[in-house]
Every structure is written in structure tokens, then in C-alpha cells.
PDB file of all heavy atoms in Angstrom:
ATOM      1  N   PRO A   1      -1.183  -5.294  -6.643  1.00  0.00           N
ATOM      2  CA  PRO A   1       0.107  -5.958  -6.437  1.00  0.00           C
ATOM      3  C   PRO A   1       0.961  -5.859  -7.709  1.00  0.00           C
ATOM      4  O   PRO A   1       0.433  -5.926  -8.812  1.00  0.00           O
ATOM      5  CB  PRO A   1      -0.294  -7.419  -6.213  1.00  0.00           C
ATOM      6  CG  PRO A   1      -1.777  -7.446  -6.014  1.00  0.00           C
ATOM      7  CD  PRO A   1      -2.316  -6.182  -6.596  1.00  0.00           C
ATOM      8  N   ALA A   2       2.242  -5.669  -7.500  1.00  0.00           N
ATOM      9  CA  ALA A   2       3.224  -5.612  -8.620  1.00  0.00           C
ATOM     10  C   ALA A   2       4.404  -6.530  -8.224  1.00  0.00           C
ATOM     11  O   ALA A   2       4.811  -6.566  -7.085  1.00  0.00           O
ATOM     12  CB  ALA A   2       3.719  -4.204  -8.849  1.00  0.00           C
ATOM     13  N   ASP A   3       4.875  -7.263  -9.241  1.00  0.00           N
ATOM     14  CA  ASP A   3       5.971  -8.192  -8.962  1.00  0.00           C
ATOM     15  C   ASP A   3       7.270  -7.463  -8.695  1.00  0.00           C
ATOM     16  O   ASP A   3       7.583  -6.518  -9.365  1.00  0.00           O
ATOM     17  CB  ASP A   3       6.174  -9.151 -10.143  1.00  0.00           C
ATOM     18  CG  ASP A   3       5.047 -10.147 -10.254  1.00  0.00           C
ATOM     19  OD1 ASP A   3       4.555 -10.648  -9.188  1.00  0.00           O
ATOM     20  OD2 ASP A   3       4.534 -10.405 -11.374  1.00  0.00           O
ATOM     21  N   ARG A   4       8.030  -7.937  -7.712  1.00  0.00           N
ATOM     22  CA  ARG A   4       9.353  -7.376  -7.473  1.00  0.00           C
ATOM     23  C   ARG A   4      10.292  -7.796  -8.536  1.00  0.00           C
ATOM     24  O   ARG A   4      10.178  -8.874  -9.113  1.00  0.00           O
ATOM     25  CB  ARG A   4       9.873  -7.901  -6.150  1.00  0.00           C
ATOM     26  CG  ARG A   4       9.175  -7.269  -4.938  1.00  0.00           C
ATOM     27  CD  ARG A   4       9.975  -7.524  -3.697  1.00  0.00           C
ATOM     28  NE  ARG A   4       9.143  -7.375  -2.517  1.00  0.00           N
ATOM     29  CZ  ARG A   4       9.093  -8.242  -1.521  1.00  0.00           C
ATOM     30  NH1 ARG A   4       9.773  -9.322  -1.567  1.00  0.00           N
ATOM     31  NH2 ARG A   4       8.268  -8.008  -0.500  1.00  0.00           N
ATOM     32  N   ASP A   5      11.277  -6.946  -8.788  1.00  0.00           N
ATOM     33  CA  ASP A   5      12.311  -7.247  -9.806  1.00  0.00           C
ATOM     34  C   ASP A   5      13.031  -8.544  -9.506  1.00  0.00           C
ATOM     35  O   ASP A   5      13.334  -9.307 -10.421  1.00  0.00           O
ATOM     36  CB  ASP A   5      13.357  -6.117  -9.889  1.00  0.00           C
ATOM     37  CG  ASP A   5      12.703  -4.787 -10.263  1.00  0.00           C
ATOM     38  OD1 ASP A   5      11.635  -4.816 -10.906  1.00  0.00           O
ATOM     39  OD2 ASP A   5      13.281  -3.707  -9.950  1.00  0.00           O
ATOM     40  N   ARG A   6      13.303  -8.780  -8.242  1.00  0.00           N
ATOM     41  CA  ARG A   6      14.049 -10.001  -7.886  1.00  0.00           C
ATOM     42  C   ARG A   6      13.171 -11.240  -7.943  1.00  0.00           C
ATOM     43  O   ARG A   6      13.657 -12.337  -7.792  1.00  0.00           O
ATOM     44  CB  ARG A   6      14.617  -9.854  -6.434  1.00  0.00           C
ATOM     45  CG  ARG A   6      15.488  -8.643  -6.279  1.00  0.00           C
ATOM     46  CD  ARG A   6      16.088  -8.618  -4.873  1.00  0.00           C
ATOM     47  NE  ARG A   6      15.098  -8.603  -3.804  1.00  0.00           N
ATOM     48  CZ  ARG A   6      14.458  -7.480  -3.385  1.00  0.00           C
ATOM     49  NH1 ARG A   6      14.676  -6.305  -4.014  1.00  0.00           N
ATOM     50  NH2 ARG A   6      13.590  -7.536  -2.400  1.00  0.00           N
ATOM     51  N   GLY A   7      11.875 -11.031  -8.118  1.00  0.00           N
ATOM     52  CA  GLY A   7      10.990 -12.189  -8.219  1.00  0.00           C
ATOM     53  C   GLY A   7      10.563 -12.824  -6.920  1.00  0.00           C
ATOM     54  O   GLY A   7       9.886 -13.822  -6.891  1.00  0.00           O
ATOM     55  N   ASP A   8      10.946 -12.193  -5.766  1.00  0.00           N
ATOM     56  CA  ASP A   8      10.544 -12.764  -4.481  1.00  0.00           C
ATOM     57  C   ASP A   8       9.356 -12.053  -3.906  1.00  0.00           C
ATOM     58  O   ASP A   8       9.485 -11.161  -3.094  1.00  0.00           O
ATOM     59  CB  ASP A   8      11.759 -12.784  -3.507  1.00  0.00           C
ATOM     60  CG  ASP A   8      12.315 -11.412  -3.291  1.00  0.00           C
ATOM     61  OD1 ASP A   8      11.995 -10.492  -4.087  1.00  0.00           O
ATOM     62  OD2 ASP A   8      13.069 -11.219  -2.341  1.00  0.00           O
ATOM     63  N   GLY A   9       8.204 -12.387  -4.347  1.00  0.00           N
ATOM     64  CA  GLY A   9       6.981 -11.751  -3.813  1.00  0.00           C
ATOM     65  C   GLY A   9       6.581 -10.511  -4.613  1.00  0.00           C
ATOM     66  O   GLY A   9       7.010 -10.336  -5.749  1.00  0.00           O
ATOM     67  N   TYR A  10       5.801  -9.665  -3.954  1.00  0.00           N
ATOM     68  CA  TYR A  10       5.297  -8.503  -4.636  1.00  0.00           C
ATOM     69  C   TYR A  10       5.196  -7.315  -3.681  1.00  0.00           C
ATOM     70  O   TYR A  10       5.337  -7.481  -2.445  1.00  0.00           O
ATOM     71  CB  TYR A  10       3.957  -8.782  -5.287  1.00  0.00           C
ATOM     72  CG  TYR A  10       2.840  -9.161  -4.319  1.00  0.00           C
ATOM     73  CD1 TYR A  10       1.988  -8.206  -3.774  1.00  0.00           C
ATOM     74  CD2 TYR A  10       2.654 -10.493  -3.935  1.00  0.00           C
ATOM     75  CE1 TYR A  10       0.958  -8.538  -2.904  1.00  0.00           C
ATOM     76  CE2 TYR A  10       1.619 -10.842  -3.048  1.00  0.00           C
ATOM     77  CZ  TYR A  10       0.839  -9.857  -2.547  1.00  0.00           C
ATOM     78  OH  TYR A  10      -0.195 -10.221  -1.679  1.00  0.00           O
ATOM     79  N   TYR A  11       4.964  -6.137  -4.225  1.00  0.00           N
ATOM     80  CA  TYR A  11       4.696  -4.941  -3.434  1.00  0.00           C
ATOM     81  C   TYR A  11       3.399  -4.320  -3.958  1.00  0.00           C
ATOM     82  O   TYR A  11       2.843  -4.824  -4.912  1.00  0.00           O
ATOM     83  CB  TYR A  11       5.874  -3.961  -3.575  1.00  0.00           C
ATOM     84  CG  TYR A  11       6.168  -3.464  -4.969  1.00  0.00           C
ATOM     85  CD1 TYR A  11       5.638  -2.259  -5.454  1.00  0.00           C
ATOM     86  CD2 TYR A  11       6.983  -4.237  -5.857  1.00  0.00           C
ATOM     87  CE1 TYR A  11       5.922  -1.858  -6.730  1.00  0.00           C
ATOM     88  CE2 TYR A  11       7.236  -3.767  -7.135  1.00  0.00           C
ATOM     89  CZ  TYR A  11       6.670  -2.610  -7.570  1.00  0.00           C
ATOM     90  OH  TYR A  11       6.933  -2.165  -8.855  1.00  0.00           O
ATOM     91  N   MET A  12       2.908  -3.318  -3.304  1.00  0.00           N
ATOM     92  CA  MET A  12       1.672  -2.661  -3.761  1.00  0.00           C
ATOM     93  C   MET A  12       2.023  -1.415  -4.490  1.00  0.00           C
ATOM     94  O   MET A  12       2.908  -0.639  -4.068  1.00  0.00           O
ATOM     95  CB  MET A  12       0.768  -2.355  -2.597  1.00  0.00           C
ATOM     96  CG  MET A  12       0.247  -3.596  -1.858  1.00  0.00           C
ATOM     97  SD  MET A  12      -0.702  -4.707  -2.929  1.00  0.00           S
ATOM     98  CE  MET A  12      -2.314  -3.939  -2.875  1.00  0.00           C
ATOM     99  N   ALA A  13       1.352  -1.193  -5.637  1.00  0.00           N
ATOM    100  CA  ALA A  13       1.699  -0.035  -6.480  1.00  0.00           C
ATOM    101  C   ALA A  13       0.477   0.592  -7.104  1.00  0.00           C
ATOM    102  O   ALA A  13      -0.553  -0.023  -7.248  1.00  0.00           O
ATOM    103  CB  ALA A  13       2.642  -0.516  -7.576  1.00  0.00           C
ATOM    104  N   VAL A  14       0.668   1.872  -7.477  1.00  0.00           N
ATOM    105  CA  VAL A  14      -0.281   2.609  -8.265  1.00  0.00           C
ATOM    106  C   VAL A  14       0.448   3.078  -9.518  1.00  0.00           C
ATOM    107  O   VAL A  14       1.305   3.934  -9.436  1.00  0.00           O
ATOM    108  CB  VAL A  14      -0.865   3.799  -7.517  1.00  0.00           C
ATOM    109  CG1 VAL A  14      -1.784   4.603  -8.413  1.00  0.00           C
ATOM    110  CG2 VAL A  14      -1.591   3.353  -6.271  1.00  0.00           C
ATOM    111  N   PRO A  15       0.130   2.502 -10.679  1.00  0.00           N
ATOM    112  CA  PRO A  15       0.819   2.942 -11.922  1.00  0.00           C
ATOM    113  C   PRO A  15       0.353   4.381 -12.233  1.00  0.00           C
ATOM    114  O   PRO A  15      -0.758   4.770 -11.925  1.00  0.00           O
ATOM    115  CB  PRO A  15       0.326   1.970 -12.993  1.00  0.00           C
ATOM    116  CG  PRO A  15      -0.336   0.844 -12.255  1.00  0.00           C
ATOM    117  CD  PRO A  15      -0.734   1.349 -10.927  1.00  0.00           C
ATOM    118  N   ALA A  16       1.238   5.138 -12.886  1.00  0.00           N
ATOM    119  CA  ALA A  16       0.949   6.554 -13.168  1.00  0.00           C
ATOM    120  C   ALA A  16      -0.240   6.763 -14.075  1.00  0.00           C
ATOM    121  O   ALA A  16      -0.852   7.825 -14.062  1.00  0.00           O
ATOM    122  CB  ALA A  16       2.221   7.207 -13.796  1.00  0.00           C
ATOM    123  N   PHE A  17      -0.572   5.786 -14.906  1.00  0.00           N
ATOM    124  CA  PHE A  17      -1.644   6.019 -15.897  1.00  0.00           C
ATOM    125  C   PHE A  17      -3.058   5.706 -15.282  1.00  0.00           C
ATOM    126  O   PHE A  17      -4.038   5.863 -15.969  1.00  0.00           O
ATOM    127  CB  PHE A  17      -1.428   5.116 -17.120  1.00  0.00           C
ATOM    128  CG  PHE A  17      -1.229   3.679 -16.803  1.00  0.00           C
ATOM    129  CD1 PHE A  17      -2.353   2.833 -16.582  1.00  0.00           C
ATOM    130  CD2 PHE A  17       0.038   3.121 -16.742  1.00  0.00           C
ATOM    131  CE1 PHE A  17      -2.172   1.531 -16.284  1.00  0.00           C
ATOM    132  CE2 PHE A  17       0.201   1.766 -16.452  1.00  0.00           C
ATOM    133  CZ  PHE A  17      -0.893   0.965 -16.222  1.00  0.00           C
ATOM    134  N   VAL A  18      -3.137   5.321 -14.037  1.00  0.00           N
ATOM    135  CA  VAL A  18      -4.443   4.996 -13.406  1.00  0.00           C
ATOM    136  C   VAL A  18      -5.140   6.289 -12.965  1.00  0.00           C
ATOM    137  O   VAL A  18      -4.530   7.118 -12.352  1.00  0.00           O
ATOM    138  CB  VAL A  18      -4.229   4.056 -12.189  1.00  0.00           C
ATOM    139  CG1 VAL A  18      -5.539   3.958 -11.402  1.00  0.00           C
ATOM    140  CG2 VAL A  18      -3.765   2.702 -12.630  1.00  0.00           C
ATOM    141  N   GLY A  19      -6.385   6.406 -13.318  1.00  0.00           N
ATOM    142  CA  GLY A  19      -7.170   7.525 -12.840  1.00  0.00           C
ATOM    143  C   GLY A  19      -6.842   8.835 -13.529  1.00  0.00           C
ATOM    144  O   GLY A  19      -6.152   8.868 -14.550  1.00  0.00           O
ATOM    145  N   HIS A  20      -7.361   9.959 -12.937  1.00  0.00           N
ATOM    146  CA  HIS A  20      -7.115  11.301 -13.470  1.00  0.00           C
ATOM    147  C   HIS A  20      -6.323  12.098 -12.438  1.00  0.00           C
ATOM    148  O   HIS A  20      -6.258  11.743 -11.261  1.00  0.00           O
ATOM    149  CB  HIS A  20      -8.471  11.953 -13.701  1.00  0.00           C
ATOM    150  CG  HIS A  20      -9.352  11.194 -14.620  1.00  0.00           C
ATOM    151  ND1 HIS A  20      -9.116  11.131 -15.971  1.00  0.00           N
ATOM    152  CD2 HIS A  20     -10.431  10.418 -14.407  1.00  0.00           C
ATOM    153  CE1 HIS A  20     -10.025  10.370 -16.556  1.00  0.00           C
ATOM    154  NE2 HIS A  20     -10.862   9.926 -15.599  1.00  0.00           N
ATOM    155  N   LYS A  21      -5.777  13.215 -12.889  1.00  0.00           N
ATOM    156  CA  LYS A  21      -5.008  14.046 -12.009  1.00  0.00           C
ATOM    157  C   LYS A  21      -5.826  14.364 -10.723  1.00  0.00           C
ATOM    158  O   LYS A  21      -7.007  14.638 -10.780  1.00  0.00           O
ATOM    159  CB  LYS A  21      -4.660  15.376 -12.699  1.00  0.00           C
ATOM    160  CG  LYS A  21      -3.763  16.298 -11.928  1.00  0.00           C
ATOM    161  CD  LYS A  21      -3.366  17.497 -12.799  1.00  0.00           C
ATOM    162  CE  LYS A  21      -2.508  18.475 -12.098  1.00  0.00           C
ATOM    163  NZ  LYS A  21      -2.540  18.623 -10.691  1.00  0.00           N
ATOM    164  N   ASN A  22      -5.134  14.288  -9.612  1.00  0.00           N
ATOM    165  CA  ASN A  22      -5.677  14.548  -8.252  1.00  0.00           C
ATOM    166  C   ASN A  22      -6.643  13.465  -7.769  1.00  0.00           C
ATOM    167  O   ASN A  22      -7.175  13.569  -6.655  1.00  0.00           O
ATOM    168  CB  ASN A  22      -6.403  15.885  -8.163  1.00  0.00           C
ATOM    169  CG  ASN A  22      -5.482  17.036  -8.446  1.00  0.00           C
ATOM    170  OD1 ASN A  22      -4.239  16.901  -8.325  1.00  0.00           O
ATOM    171  ND2 ASN A  22      -6.002  18.192  -8.850  1.00  0.00           N
ATOM    172  N   ASP A  23      -6.798  12.379  -8.509  1.00  0.00           N
ATOM    173  CA  ASP A  23      -7.583  11.220  -7.985  1.00  0.00           C
ATOM    174  C   ASP A  23      -6.769  10.614  -6.837  1.00  0.00           C
ATOM    175  O   ASP A  23      -5.535  10.692  -6.818  1.00  0.00           O
ATOM    176  CB  ASP A  23      -7.799  10.150  -9.071  1.00  0.00           C
ATOM    177  CG  ASP A  23      -8.977  10.437  -9.919  1.00  0.00           C
ATOM    178  OD1 ASP A  23      -9.646  11.488  -9.761  1.00  0.00           O
ATOM    179  OD2 ASP A  23      -9.263   9.601 -10.792  1.00  0.00           O
ATOM    180  N   MET A  24      -7.432   9.958  -5.898  1.00  0.00           N
ATOM    181  CA  MET A  24      -6.780   9.363  -4.705  1.00  0.00           C
ATOM    182  C   MET A  24      -7.044   7.871  -4.676  1.00  0.00           C
ATOM    183  O   MET A  24      -8.134   7.416  -5.015  1.00  0.00           O
ATOM    184  CB  MET A  24      -7.381   9.919  -3.429  1.00  0.00           C
ATOM    185  CG  MET A  24      -7.360  11.430  -3.321  1.00  0.00           C
ATOM    186  SD  MET A  24      -5.722  12.006  -2.874  1.00  0.00           S
ATOM    187  CE  MET A  24      -6.073  13.724  -2.741  1.00  0.00           C
ATOM    188  N   GLY A  25      -6.046   7.163  -4.225  1.00  0.00           N
ATOM    189  CA  GLY A  25      -6.204   5.721  -3.901  1.00  0.00           C
ATOM    190  C   GLY A  25      -5.688   5.489  -2.507  1.00  0.00           C
ATOM    191  O   GLY A  25      -4.582   5.927  -2.180  1.00  0.00           O
ATOM    192  N   ARG A  26      -6.483   4.826  -1.650  1.00  0.00           N
ATOM    193  CA  ARG A  26      -6.081   4.628  -0.245  1.00  0.00           C
ATOM    194  C   ARG A  26      -5.992   3.172   0.119  1.00  0.00           C
ATOM    195  O   ARG A  26      -6.955   2.431  -0.187  1.00  0.00           O
ATOM    196  CB  ARG A  26      -7.019   5.422   0.694  1.00  0.00           C
ATOM    197  CG  ARG A  26      -6.778   6.904   0.665  1.00  0.00           C
ATOM    198  CD  ARG A  26      -7.672   7.632   1.646  1.00  0.00           C
ATOM    199  NE  ARG A  26      -9.011   7.754   1.165  1.00  0.00           N
ATOM    200  CZ  ARG A  26      -9.444   8.722   0.372  1.00  0.00           C
ATOM    201  NH1 ARG A  26      -8.655   9.708  -0.048  1.00  0.00           N
ATOM    202  NH2 ARG A  26     -10.718   8.751  -0.032  1.00  0.00           N
ATOM    203  N   LEU A  27      -4.929   2.805   0.752  1.00  0.00           N
ATOM    204  CA  LEU A  27      -4.724   1.457   1.225  1.00  0.00           C
ATOM    205  C   LEU A  27      -4.572   1.545   2.729  1.00  0.00           C
ATOM    206  O   LEU A  27      -3.710   2.273   3.229  1.00  0.00           O
ATOM    207  CB  LEU A  27      -3.459   0.901   0.588  1.00  0.00           C
ATOM    208  CG  LEU A  27      -3.141  -0.598   0.809  1.00  0.00           C
ATOM    209  CD1 LEU A  27      -4.226  -1.468   0.222  1.00  0.00           C
ATOM    210  CD2 LEU A  27      -1.787  -0.950   0.143  1.00  0.00           C
ATOM    211  N   LYS A  28      -5.470   0.835   3.455  1.00  0.00           N
ATOM    212  CA  LYS A  28      -5.481   0.971   4.917  1.00  0.00           C
ATOM    213  C   LYS A  28      -4.889  -0.282   5.598  1.00  0.00           C
ATOM    214  O   LYS A  28      -5.193  -1.382   5.208  1.00  0.00           O
ATOM    215  CB  LYS A  28      -6.936   1.097   5.399  1.00  0.00           C
ATOM    216  CG  LYS A  28      -7.572   2.374   4.915  1.00  0.00           C
ATOM    217  CD  LYS A  28      -9.027   2.420   5.341  1.00  0.00           C
ATOM    218  CE  LYS A  28      -9.676   3.717   4.898  1.00  0.00           C
ATOM    219  NZ  LYS A  28     -11.103   3.692   5.071  1.00  0.00           N
ATOM    220  N   LEU A  29      -4.055  -0.032   6.565  1.00  0.00           N
ATOM    221  CA  LEU A  29      -3.509  -1.082   7.441  1.00  0.00           C
ATOM    222  C   LEU A  29      -4.269  -0.997   8.726  1.00  0.00           C
ATOM    223  O   LEU A  29      -4.221  -0.001   9.432  1.00  0.00           O
ATOM    224  CB  LEU A  29      -2.023  -0.815   7.643  1.00  0.00           C
ATOM    225  CG  LEU A  29      -1.336  -1.688   8.674  1.00  0.00           C
ATOM    226  CD1 LEU A  29      -1.480  -3.147   8.334  1.00  0.00           C
ATOM    227  CD2 LEU A  29       0.145  -1.331   8.774  1.00  0.00           C
ATOM    228  N   LEU A  30      -5.066  -2.033   9.026  1.00  0.00           N
ATOM    229  CA  LEU A  30      -5.854  -2.086  10.276  1.00  0.00           C
ATOM    230  C   LEU A  30      -5.027  -2.712  11.366  1.00  0.00           C
ATOM    231  O   LEU A  30      -4.479  -3.811  11.228  1.00  0.00           O
ATOM    232  CB  LEU A  30      -7.130  -2.900  10.023  1.00  0.00           C
ATOM    233  CG  LEU A  30      -7.956  -2.423   8.857  1.00  0.00           C
ATOM    234  CD1 LEU A  30      -9.238  -3.246   8.728  1.00  0.00           C
ATOM    235  CD2 LEU A  30      -8.359  -0.943   8.945  1.00  0.00           C
ATOM    236  N   LEU A  31      -4.898  -1.978  12.455  1.00  0.00           N
ATOM    237  CA  LEU A  31      -4.041  -2.401  13.571  1.00  0.00           C
ATOM    238  C   LEU A  31      -4.990  -2.712  14.725  1.00  0.00           C
ATOM    239  O   LEU A  31      -5.476  -1.808  15.386  1.00  0.00           O
ATOM    240  CB  LEU A  31      -3.057  -1.316  13.950  1.00  0.00           C
ATOM    241  CG  LEU A  31      -2.171  -0.830  12.828  1.00  0.00           C
ATOM    242  CD1 LEU A  31      -1.429   0.436  13.224  1.00  0.00           C
ATOM    243  CD2 LEU A  31      -1.148  -1.906  12.463  1.00  0.00           C
ATOM    244  N   THR A  32      -5.149  -4.009  14.984  1.00  0.00           N
ATOM    245  CA  THR A  32      -6.121  -4.357  16.042  1.00  0.00           C
ATOM    246  C   THR A  32      -5.474  -4.632  17.377  1.00  0.00           C
ATOM    247  O   THR A  32      -6.101  -4.552  18.399  1.00  0.00           O
ATOM    248  CB  THR A  32      -6.938  -5.590  15.596  1.00  0.00           C
ATOM    249  OG1 THR A  32      -6.030  -6.525  15.074  1.00  0.00           O
ATOM    250  CG2 THR A  32      -7.934  -5.232  14.514  1.00  0.00           C
ATOM    251  N   ASP A  33      -4.203  -5.000  17.402  1.00  0.00           N
ATOM    252  CA  ASP A  33      -3.607  -5.458  18.658  1.00  0.00           C
ATOM    253  C   ASP A  33      -2.584  -4.510  19.270  1.00  0.00           C
ATOM    254  O   ASP A  33      -1.838  -4.912  20.109  1.00  0.00           O
ATOM    255  CB  ASP A  33      -2.908  -6.809  18.431  1.00  0.00           C
ATOM    256  CG  ASP A  33      -3.894  -7.850  17.884  1.00  0.00           C
ATOM    257  OD1 ASP A  33      -5.050  -7.763  18.288  1.00  0.00           O
ATOM    258  OD2 ASP A  33      -3.440  -8.683  17.086  1.00  0.00           O
ATOM    259  N   LEU A  34      -2.599  -3.254  18.881  1.00  0.00           N
ATOM    260  CA  LEU A  34      -1.650  -2.318  19.480  1.00  0.00           C
ATOM    261  C   LEU A  34      -2.068  -1.976  20.882  1.00  0.00           C
ATOM    262  O   LEU A  34      -3.259  -1.795  21.198  1.00  0.00           O
ATOM    263  CB  LEU A  34      -1.573  -1.029  18.671  1.00  0.00           C
ATOM    264  CG  LEU A  34      -0.896  -1.110  17.317  1.00  0.00           C
ATOM    265  CD1 LEU A  34      -0.610   0.308  16.806  1.00  0.00           C
ATOM    266  CD2 LEU A  34       0.384  -1.935  17.332  1.00  0.00           C
ATOM    267  N   LYS A  35      -1.089  -1.916  21.762  1.00  0.00           N
ATOM    268  CA  LYS A  35      -1.375  -1.588  23.180  1.00  0.00           C
ATOM    269  C   LYS A  35      -1.394  -0.056  23.305  1.00  0.00           C
ATOM    270  O   LYS A  35      -0.527   0.608  22.839  1.00  0.00           O
ATOM    271  CB  LYS A  35      -0.288  -2.137  24.094  1.00  0.00           C
ATOM    272  CG  LYS A  35      -0.254  -3.652  24.085  1.00  0.00           C
ATOM    273  CD  LYS A  35       0.881  -4.158  24.929  1.00  0.00           C
ATOM    274  CE  LYS A  35       0.982  -5.683  24.875  1.00  0.00           C
ATOM    275  NZ  LYS A  35       1.235  -6.161  23.512  1.00  0.00           N
ATOM    276  N   PRO A  36      -2.435   0.480  23.977  1.00  0.00           N
ATOM    277  CA  PRO A  36      -2.441   1.914  24.217  1.00  0.00           C
ATOM    278  C   PRO A  36      -1.279   2.319  25.105  1.00  0.00           C
ATOM    279  O   PRO A  36      -0.690   1.496  25.775  1.00  0.00           O
ATOM    280  CB  PRO A  36      -3.748   2.182  24.971  1.00  0.00           C
ATOM    281  CG  PRO A  36      -4.480   0.888  24.975  1.00  0.00           C
ATOM    282  CD  PRO A  36      -3.584  -0.203  24.527  1.00  0.00           C
ATOM    283  N   LYS A  37      -0.896   3.597  25.063  1.00  0.00           N
ATOM    284  CA  LYS A  37       0.151   4.160  25.877  1.00  0.00           C
ATOM    285  C   LYS A  37       1.498   3.527  25.631  1.00  0.00           C
ATOM    286  O   LYS A  37       2.319   3.400  26.523  1.00  0.00           O
ATOM    287  CB  LYS A  37      -0.209   4.088  27.375  1.00  0.00           C
ATOM    288  CG  LYS A  37      -1.481   4.836  27.756  1.00  0.00           C
ATOM    289  CD  LYS A  37      -1.560   5.050  29.223  1.00  0.00           C
ATOM    290  CE  LYS A  37      -2.807   5.687  29.736  1.00  0.00           C
ATOM    291  NZ  LYS A  37      -3.704   6.337  28.874  1.00  0.00           N
ATOM    292  N   SER A  38       1.702   3.092  24.399  1.00  0.00           N
ATOM    293  CA  SER A  38       3.014   2.573  24.050  1.00  0.00           C
ATOM    294  C   SER A  38       3.330   3.274  22.724  1.00  0.00           C
ATOM    295  O   SER A  38       2.484   3.710  22.015  1.00  0.00           O
ATOM    296  CB  SER A  38       2.878   1.064  23.856  1.00  0.00           C
ATOM    297  OG  SER A  38       4.110   0.537  23.444  1.00  0.00           O
ATOM    298  N   SER A  39       4.645   3.366  22.418  1.00  0.00           N
ATOM    299  CA  SER A  39       4.962   3.972  21.142  1.00  0.00           C
ATOM    300  C   SER A  39       5.498   2.942  20.149  1.00  0.00           C
ATOM    301  O   SER A  39       6.034   1.907  20.588  1.00  0.00           O
ATOM    302  CB  SER A  39       5.957   5.119  21.325  1.00  0.00           C
ATOM    303  OG  SER A  39       7.092   4.661  21.965  1.00  0.00           O
TER     304      SER A  39
END
């Protein structure tokens, strides 16, 4: 989490200095209630 400039809550971020080149970080959004056959 990183604080928003306006101070209203936060967003999710990966600072450039984390990890090594080509390292990956994954954040998953689990969708449990989507109806099939709908867009």
C-alpha cells in the first residue's frame, strides 16, 4: 500500500528499487460472484 497524494486512502504499488531486474510481483483479484455467459 502507498498513500495517495491527496491523502484519501491508498493505492497498491511496487517501488522501482524492490527486487532484481525481471523479478515479478503478482496481485490477484479473486472474483467469486461473476455470472457465466455475461460480459
